[in-house]
Amino acid sequence: MSARGHSVAIAAPREARIYEAALERGLHAQALRIARKNLGGVLAVRRWLQAHPVDVINSHSSTDSWLAALACATLARAPALVRTRHISASIPNNLPTRWLYRNATRHIVTTGENLRMQLVRDNRIPPERITSVPTGIDAARFIPGARDAARRSTGLPSERRLIGIVATLRSWKGHRYLIEAVHRLPGDVGLVIVGDGPQRRNIESKIRELGLVERTWLVGNQDNVLPWLQSLDVFALPSYANEGVPQALVQAMLCALPCVTTAAGSIGEIARDGATAIIVRTEDAADLKRGLEQALGDAKLCERLGAAARQTCAASLGVETMLDRMERVFRGACLAD
């Protein structure tokens, strides 16, 4: 947005990763004490808005949405609040939440059409007040690459068949089922887990329990996931809840990897069984094993799925497409005042 000529400011807790990332990119970032839903957070947002008048606030979590909504409610000339929802977790239908979504928020953005329809169906939010805008990925950056060169870069073994996942280590991403599925595959199949999070200890324990230490690489967060994706034979994302259109899955599909995933959330909007991916049942290690075996055992299928996946994502999920859509949302929110 900044490159398109818009004035962009990011307000975040100092400890938030986006704060340092914004500074590294030369963006204006303001550290505020807004990590918790409390009066201090509301006042911090209010003071900042008084000192830095803006046209639109785009909130991305429950906490910053509430703080921004309450702060704006106390201002005579408040900016439009646009709430982006990235996950499919349900929201309550109590009175305060209805006020937040129907009155305080000017427009809602979801990262998938299924999430949009969920809000219309379950929370009775008028469909014209919600727009689906999946997160855009740079198709010029995420490209197929030479596997051997990528493995030399990452240090992964050249002789193994490697299945990988890139995801925050949360329960609903399905790491447990992936570990169980790989345990049932031949010993030459390895597992690469990129990411970190609250489930790390449980995942490490599961790997030890099933005797997979020697063929599992748990590499933590990586600033550049591209060589890790290009090192893989198969990408897996067995999520069972809380998904929009996952960025990591789009990145893997742009790298033309055969992907084995579920239809959780809005995943099915890009991953179509037998066309762009292999779809398996959620929370089902046996069916996940079946899907992984299919990908590992059929080179022609993998080539076809990978090519179709890249074409699909490049056509509709690019960064510029996302920015075009968000510009229209922000402009419409301002004009609705």
Protein backbone atom coordinates (compact mmCIF):
# COMPACT_ATOMS: atom_id res chain seq x y z
CA MET A 1 0.00 0.00 0.00
CA SER A 2 2.87 2.34 0.77
CA ALA A 3 4.38 1.67 -2.65
CA ARG A 4 1.03 2.60 -4.20
CA GLY A 5 1.22 6.07 -2.68
CA HIS A 6 -0.82 5.56 0.47
CA SER A 7 0.34 6.82 3.85
CA VAL A 8 0.67 3.71 6.01
CA ALA A 9 1.22 3.53 9.77
CA ILE A 10 1.37 0.42 11.93
CA ALA A 11 0.45 0.51 15.61
CA ALA A 12 1.45 -2.61 17.53
CA PRO A 13 2.90 -3.77 20.85
CA ARG A 14 6.67 -3.36 20.88
CA GLU A 15 7.11 -7.12 21.34
CA ALA A 16 4.98 -7.96 18.28
CA ARG A 17 6.93 -9.35 15.32
CA ILE A 18 5.13 -7.01 12.93
CA TYR A 19 6.56 -3.99 14.76
CA GLU A 20 10.19 -4.90 14.05
CA ALA A 21 9.30 -6.10 10.57
CA ALA A 22 7.70 -2.76 9.77
CA LEU A 23 10.77 -0.83 10.93
CA GLU A 24 13.04 -3.08 8.85
CA ARG A 25 10.96 -2.24 5.78
CA GLY A 26 11.15 1.50 6.42
CA LEU A 27 7.48 1.85 7.38
CA HIS A 28 6.16 4.13 10.09
CA ALA A 29 5.56 1.98 13.18
CA GLN A 30 4.35 3.12 16.59
CA ALA A 31 4.78 0.95 19.68
CA LEU A 32 1.63 1.03 21.81
CA ARG A 33 0.58 -0.91 24.90
CA ILE A 34 -2.27 -2.69 23.16
CA ALA A 35 -1.53 -6.36 23.77
CA ARG A 36 -4.49 -6.73 26.16
CA LYS A 37 -8.15 -5.76 26.19
CA ASN A 38 -8.15 -3.12 28.92
CA LEU A 39 -8.83 0.56 29.47
CA GLY A 40 -5.16 1.41 29.04
CA GLY A 41 -5.20 -0.08 25.56
CA VAL A 42 -8.32 1.87 24.58
CA LEU A 43 -6.77 5.11 25.79
CA ALA A 44 -3.49 4.37 24.00
CA VAL A 45 -5.31 3.90 20.68
CA ARG A 46 -7.43 7.00 21.31
CA ARG A 47 -4.40 9.20 22.02
CA TRP A 48 -2.61 7.88 18.97
CA LEU A 49 -5.60 8.55 16.71
CA GLN A 50 -5.92 12.08 18.04
CA ALA A 51 -2.26 12.73 17.25
CA HIS A 52 -2.28 10.85 13.92
CA PRO A 53 -5.62 11.27 12.12
CA VAL A 54 -6.21 8.48 9.60
CA ASP A 55 -9.01 7.61 7.20
CA VAL A 56 -9.14 3.86 7.87
CA ILE A 57 -8.05 1.48 10.61
CA ASN A 58 -7.58 -2.13 9.54
CA SER A 59 -7.68 -4.46 12.56
CA HIS A 60 -6.62 -8.10 12.40
CA SER A 61 -7.43 -9.69 15.76
CA SER A 62 -10.07 -9.64 18.46
CA THR A 63 -7.97 -7.49 20.79
CA ASP A 64 -7.07 -4.71 18.35
CA SER A 65 -10.60 -4.71 16.94
CA TRP A 66 -12.15 -4.09 20.35
CA LEU A 67 -9.57 -1.47 21.34
CA ALA A 68 -9.97 0.40 18.04
CA ALA A 69 -13.77 0.18 18.10
CA LEU A 70 -14.05 1.55 21.63
CA ALA A 71 -11.48 4.27 20.96
CA CYS A 72 -13.30 5.34 17.78
CA ALA A 73 -16.63 5.40 19.63
CA THR A 74 -15.27 8.19 21.84
CA LEU A 75 -13.97 10.39 18.99
CA ALA A 76 -15.97 13.03 17.17
CA ARG A 77 -14.17 12.41 13.87
CA ALA A 78 -13.36 8.71 13.97
CA PRO A 79 -11.82 6.77 11.07
CA ALA A 80 -13.63 3.89 9.41
CA LEU A 81 -12.85 0.53 11.03
CA VAL A 82 -12.25 -2.41 8.68
CA ARG A 83 -11.99 -5.75 10.45
CA THR A 84 -10.02 -8.54 8.76
CA ARG A 85 -10.74 -12.10 9.90
CA HIS A 86 -8.11 -14.68 8.97
CA ILE A 87 -9.58 -17.80 10.56
CA SER A 88 -12.86 -19.69 10.59
CA ALA A 89 -13.33 -19.80 14.37
CA SER A 90 -16.92 -18.91 15.19
CA ILE A 91 -17.78 -15.61 16.85
CA PRO A 92 -20.45 -15.31 19.56
CA ASN A 93 -23.85 -13.79 18.96
CA ASN A 94 -23.99 -11.85 22.22
CA LEU A 95 -24.93 -8.17 22.35
CA PRO A 96 -21.39 -6.71 22.66
CA THR A 97 -20.10 -8.73 19.70
CA ARG A 98 -23.11 -7.79 17.59
CA TRP A 99 -22.33 -4.13 18.32
CA LEU A 100 -18.70 -4.65 17.29
CA TYR A 101 -19.49 -6.33 13.98
CA ARG A 102 -22.71 -4.58 12.98
CA ASN A 103 -22.26 -1.05 14.33
CA ALA A 104 -18.66 -0.25 15.19
CA THR A 105 -17.12 -1.93 12.15
CA ARG A 106 -17.65 -0.28 8.76
CA HIS A 107 -16.69 -3.33 6.72
CA ILE A 108 -15.43 -6.89 7.29
CA VAL A 109 -12.82 -8.69 5.22
CA THR A 110 -12.45 -12.47 5.34
CA THR A 111 -9.59 -14.46 3.85
CA GLY A 112 -11.95 -16.88 2.14
CA GLU A 113 -15.49 -17.06 0.76
CA ASN A 114 -16.46 -19.85 3.16
CA LEU A 115 -15.55 -17.58 6.08
CA ARG A 116 -17.66 -14.82 4.56
CA MET A 117 -20.69 -17.07 4.22
CA GLN A 118 -20.18 -18.36 7.75
CA LEU A 119 -20.62 -14.82 9.11
CA VAL A 120 -23.69 -14.28 6.95
CA ARG A 121 -25.24 -17.59 8.00
CA ASP A 122 -24.29 -17.80 11.68
CA ASN A 123 -24.14 -14.12 12.66
CA ARG A 124 -26.65 -12.64 10.21
CA ILE A 125 -24.29 -9.96 9.02
CA PRO A 126 -25.52 -8.45 5.73
CA PRO A 127 -23.48 -10.01 2.90
CA GLU A 128 -22.80 -6.61 1.30
CA ARG A 129 -20.83 -5.62 4.41
CA ILE A 130 -18.36 -8.51 3.99
CA THR A 131 -15.75 -9.01 1.27
CA SER A 132 -13.56 -12.07 0.74
CA VAL A 133 -9.94 -11.14 0.05
CA PRO A 134 -7.49 -14.06 0.33
CA THR A 135 -3.96 -13.11 1.28
CA GLY A 136 -1.85 -12.46 -1.81
CA ILE A 137 1.45 -14.24 -2.42
CA ASP A 138 4.24 -13.11 -4.76
CA ALA A 139 4.16 -15.61 -7.64
CA ALA A 140 7.46 -14.25 -8.95
CA ARG A 141 9.19 -15.17 -5.70
CA PHE A 142 7.59 -18.53 -4.92
CA ILE A 143 8.58 -20.63 -7.90
CA PRO A 144 9.57 -24.24 -8.55
CA GLY A 145 13.26 -24.81 -7.86
CA ALA A 146 16.02 -27.39 -8.19
CA ARG A 147 15.51 -29.83 -5.32
CA ASP A 148 19.15 -30.89 -4.97
CA ALA A 149 20.36 -27.28 -4.80
CA ALA A 150 17.67 -26.42 -2.27
CA ARG A 151 18.67 -29.34 -0.07
CA ARG A 152 22.29 -28.28 -0.16
CA SER A 153 21.13 -24.86 1.01
CA THR A 154 18.98 -26.20 3.85
CA GLY A 155 21.21 -29.11 4.83
CA LEU A 156 18.44 -31.65 4.30
CA PRO A 157 19.52 -35.12 3.10
CA SER A 158 19.57 -35.67 -0.65
CA GLU A 159 18.68 -39.37 -0.54
CA ARG A 160 15.38 -39.28 1.35
CA ARG A 161 11.86 -38.67 0.15
CA LEU A 162 10.73 -35.68 2.18
CA ILE A 163 7.26 -34.62 3.25
CA GLY A 164 7.05 -31.16 4.78
CA ILE A 165 4.75 -28.72 6.53
CA VAL A 166 5.17 -24.97 7.06
CA ALA A 167 2.84 -23.77 9.82
CA THR A 168 2.68 -22.33 13.30
CA LEU A 169 2.84 -25.21 15.76
CA ARG A 170 -0.80 -25.12 16.86
CA SER A 171 -3.03 -28.10 17.54
CA TRP A 172 -5.48 -27.44 14.70
CA LYS A 173 -2.74 -27.46 12.06
CA GLY A 174 -2.75 -31.25 12.45
CA HIS A 175 0.95 -31.93 13.11
CA ARG A 176 0.00 -34.85 15.37
CA TYR A 177 -1.81 -36.62 12.52
CA LEU A 178 1.01 -35.91 10.10
CA ILE A 179 3.58 -37.41 12.47
CA GLU A 180 1.38 -40.49 12.94
CA ALA A 181 0.93 -40.85 9.17
CA VAL A 182 4.66 -40.56 8.44
CA HIS A 183 5.34 -43.13 11.17
CA ARG A 184 3.33 -45.62 9.08
CA LEU A 185 5.30 -44.88 5.88
CA PRO A 186 8.55 -46.59 4.84
CA GLY A 187 11.76 -45.65 6.65
CA ASP A 188 13.20 -43.74 3.69
CA VAL A 189 10.46 -41.11 4.05
CA GLY A 190 11.43 -38.12 6.17
CA LEU A 191 9.40 -35.30 7.72
CA VAL A 192 10.36 -31.61 7.69
CA ILE A 193 8.50 -29.33 10.11
CA VAL A 194 9.06 -25.59 9.59
CA GLY A 195 7.62 -23.24 12.19
CA ASP A 196 7.37 -22.72 15.92
CA GLY A 197 4.58 -22.25 18.42
CA PRO A 198 2.83 -23.43 21.57
CA GLN A 199 2.64 -27.09 20.52
CA ARG A 200 6.40 -27.54 20.09
CA ARG A 201 6.94 -29.65 23.23
CA ASN A 202 3.98 -31.90 22.42
CA ILE A 203 5.25 -32.35 18.87
CA GLU A 204 8.76 -33.18 20.07
CA SER A 205 7.28 -35.69 22.51
CA LYS A 206 5.21 -37.33 19.77
CA ILE A 207 8.26 -37.61 17.51
CA ARG A 208 10.22 -39.35 20.28
CA GLU A 209 7.28 -41.59 21.21
CA LEU A 210 6.99 -42.92 17.65
CA GLY A 211 10.74 -43.27 17.12
CA LEU A 212 10.93 -40.68 14.34
CA VAL A 213 13.81 -38.59 15.69
CA GLU A 214 16.25 -39.84 13.05
CA ARG A 215 13.98 -38.98 10.14
CA THR A 216 12.36 -35.76 11.32
CA TRP A 217 13.74 -32.24 10.95
CA LEU A 218 12.08 -29.73 13.30
CA VAL A 219 13.76 -26.54 12.10
CA GLY A 220 11.77 -23.74 13.79
CA ASN A 221 10.82 -20.45 12.18
CA GLN A 222 12.68 -19.54 9.00
CA ASP A 223 12.97 -16.02 7.61
CA ASN A 224 13.01 -17.48 4.11
CA VAL A 225 10.85 -20.59 3.67
CA LEU A 226 11.40 -20.83 -0.10
CA PRO A 227 14.42 -23.18 -0.07
CA TRP A 228 12.66 -25.37 2.49
CA LEU A 229 9.63 -25.67 0.23
CA GLN A 230 11.81 -26.36 -2.80
CA SER A 231 13.53 -29.15 -0.84
CA LEU A 232 10.32 -31.14 -0.47
CA ASP A 233 8.80 -33.96 -2.48
CA VAL A 234 5.34 -33.44 -0.98
CA PHE A 235 3.76 -30.63 1.04
CA ALA A 236 1.19 -31.53 3.70
CA LEU A 237 -1.24 -29.36 5.63
CA PRO A 238 -3.71 -31.54 7.59
CA SER A 239 -5.52 -28.66 9.32
CA TYR A 240 -8.84 -29.47 10.92
CA ALA A 241 -10.10 -26.02 12.04
CA ASN A 242 -9.63 -22.23 11.98
CA GLU A 243 -8.38 -21.89 8.42
CA GLY A 244 -8.97 -19.23 5.80
CA VAL A 245 -6.86 -19.69 2.67
CA PRO A 246 -3.50 -20.56 4.30
CA GLN A 247 -0.51 -18.59 3.05
CA ALA A 248 1.86 -21.55 3.37
CA LEU A 249 -0.39 -23.74 1.25
CA VAL A 250 -0.53 -21.08 -1.48
CA GLN A 251 3.26 -20.72 -1.32
CA ALA A 252 3.68 -24.48 -1.71
CA MET A 253 1.22 -24.59 -4.60
CA LEU A 254 3.07 -21.76 -6.34
CA CYS A 255 6.22 -23.85 -5.98
CA ALA A 256 4.31 -26.53 -7.96
CA LEU A 257 4.51 -29.01 -5.09
CA PRO A 258 1.98 -31.82 -4.86
CA CYS A 259 -0.08 -30.90 -1.79
CA VAL A 260 -1.96 -33.22 0.54
CA THR A 261 -4.42 -31.27 2.66
CA THR A 262 -7.97 -31.13 4.02
CA ALA A 263 -11.01 -29.04 3.14
CA ALA A 264 -11.04 -27.18 6.48
CA GLY A 265 -12.14 -23.54 6.40
CA SER A 266 -11.57 -22.06 2.95
CA ILE A 267 -8.83 -24.49 1.90
CA GLY A 268 -11.23 -26.14 -0.53
CA GLU A 269 -11.50 -22.91 -2.50
CA ILE A 270 -8.04 -23.52 -3.96
CA ALA A 271 -7.36 -27.19 -3.16
CA ARG A 272 -9.65 -29.36 -5.29
CA ASP A 273 -9.25 -33.09 -4.95
CA GLY A 274 -7.56 -34.64 -7.97
CA ALA A 275 -7.31 -31.28 -9.73
CA THR A 276 -4.96 -29.06 -7.69
CA ALA A 277 -4.33 -31.21 -4.58
CA ILE A 278 -5.10 -34.45 -2.80
CA ILE A 279 -7.80 -33.95 -0.18
CA VAL A 280 -7.96 -36.16 2.90
CA ARG A 281 -10.33 -36.34 5.86
CA THR A 282 -9.63 -34.19 8.90
CA GLU A 283 -8.18 -35.73 12.07
CA ASP A 284 -7.60 -39.03 10.27
CA ALA A 285 -4.00 -40.28 10.20
CA ALA A 286 -4.92 -43.35 8.14
CA ASP A 287 -6.52 -41.31 5.37
CA LEU A 288 -3.63 -38.85 5.51
CA LYS A 289 -1.23 -41.78 5.04
CA ARG A 290 -3.29 -42.84 2.03
CA GLY A 291 -2.99 -39.39 0.48
CA LEU A 292 0.74 -39.15 1.15
CA GLU A 293 1.32 -42.60 -0.37
CA GLN A 294 -0.62 -41.54 -3.45
CA ALA A 295 1.57 -38.45 -3.87
CA LEU A 296 4.83 -40.28 -3.22
CA GLY A 297 3.96 -43.11 -5.59
CA ASP A 298 2.66 -41.32 -8.68
CA ALA A 299 5.11 -38.93 -10.33
CA LYS A 300 2.77 -38.07 -13.22
CA LEU A 301 -0.05 -37.19 -10.83
CA CYS A 302 2.31 -34.98 -8.82
CA GLU A 303 3.48 -33.15 -11.92
CA ARG A 304 -0.10 -32.56 -13.05
CA LEU A 305 -1.32 -31.40 -9.62
CA GLY A 306 1.69 -29.13 -9.14
CA ALA A 307 1.29 -27.43 -12.52
CA ALA A 308 -2.45 -26.90 -12.03
CA ALA A 309 -1.94 -25.62 -8.48
CA ARG A 310 0.61 -23.04 -9.56
CA GLN A 311 -1.57 -21.86 -12.43
CA THR A 312 -4.62 -21.52 -10.16
CA CYS A 313 -2.83 -19.56 -7.44
CA ALA A 314 -0.87 -17.33 -9.81
CA ALA A 315 -4.08 -16.36 -11.61
CA SER A 316 -6.12 -15.31 -8.59
CA LEU A 317 -3.98 -15.03 -5.46
CA GLY A 318 -1.22 -12.61 -6.40
CA VAL A 319 -0.17 -9.69 -4.23
CA GLU A 320 -1.38 -7.06 -6.71
CA THR A 321 -4.80 -8.72 -6.91
CA MET A 322 -5.07 -8.59 -3.12
CA LEU A 323 -4.02 -4.94 -3.03
CA ASP A 324 -6.53 -4.01 -5.73
CA ARG A 325 -9.31 -5.62 -3.68
CA MET A 326 -8.21 -4.02 -0.41
CA GLU A 327 -7.99 -0.57 -2.02
CA ARG A 328 -11.60 -0.93 -3.11
CA VAL A 329 -12.62 -2.00 0.41
CA PHE A 330 -10.81 0.91 2.07
CA ARG A 331 -12.16 3.44 -0.42
CA GLY A 332 -15.68 2.14 -0.01
CA ALA A 333 -15.39 2.26 3.80
CA CYS A 334 -14.37 5.92 3.62
CA LEU A 335 -17.12 6.86 1.17
CA ALA A 336 -19.74 5.14 3.35
CA ASP A 337 -19.14 7.71 6.10
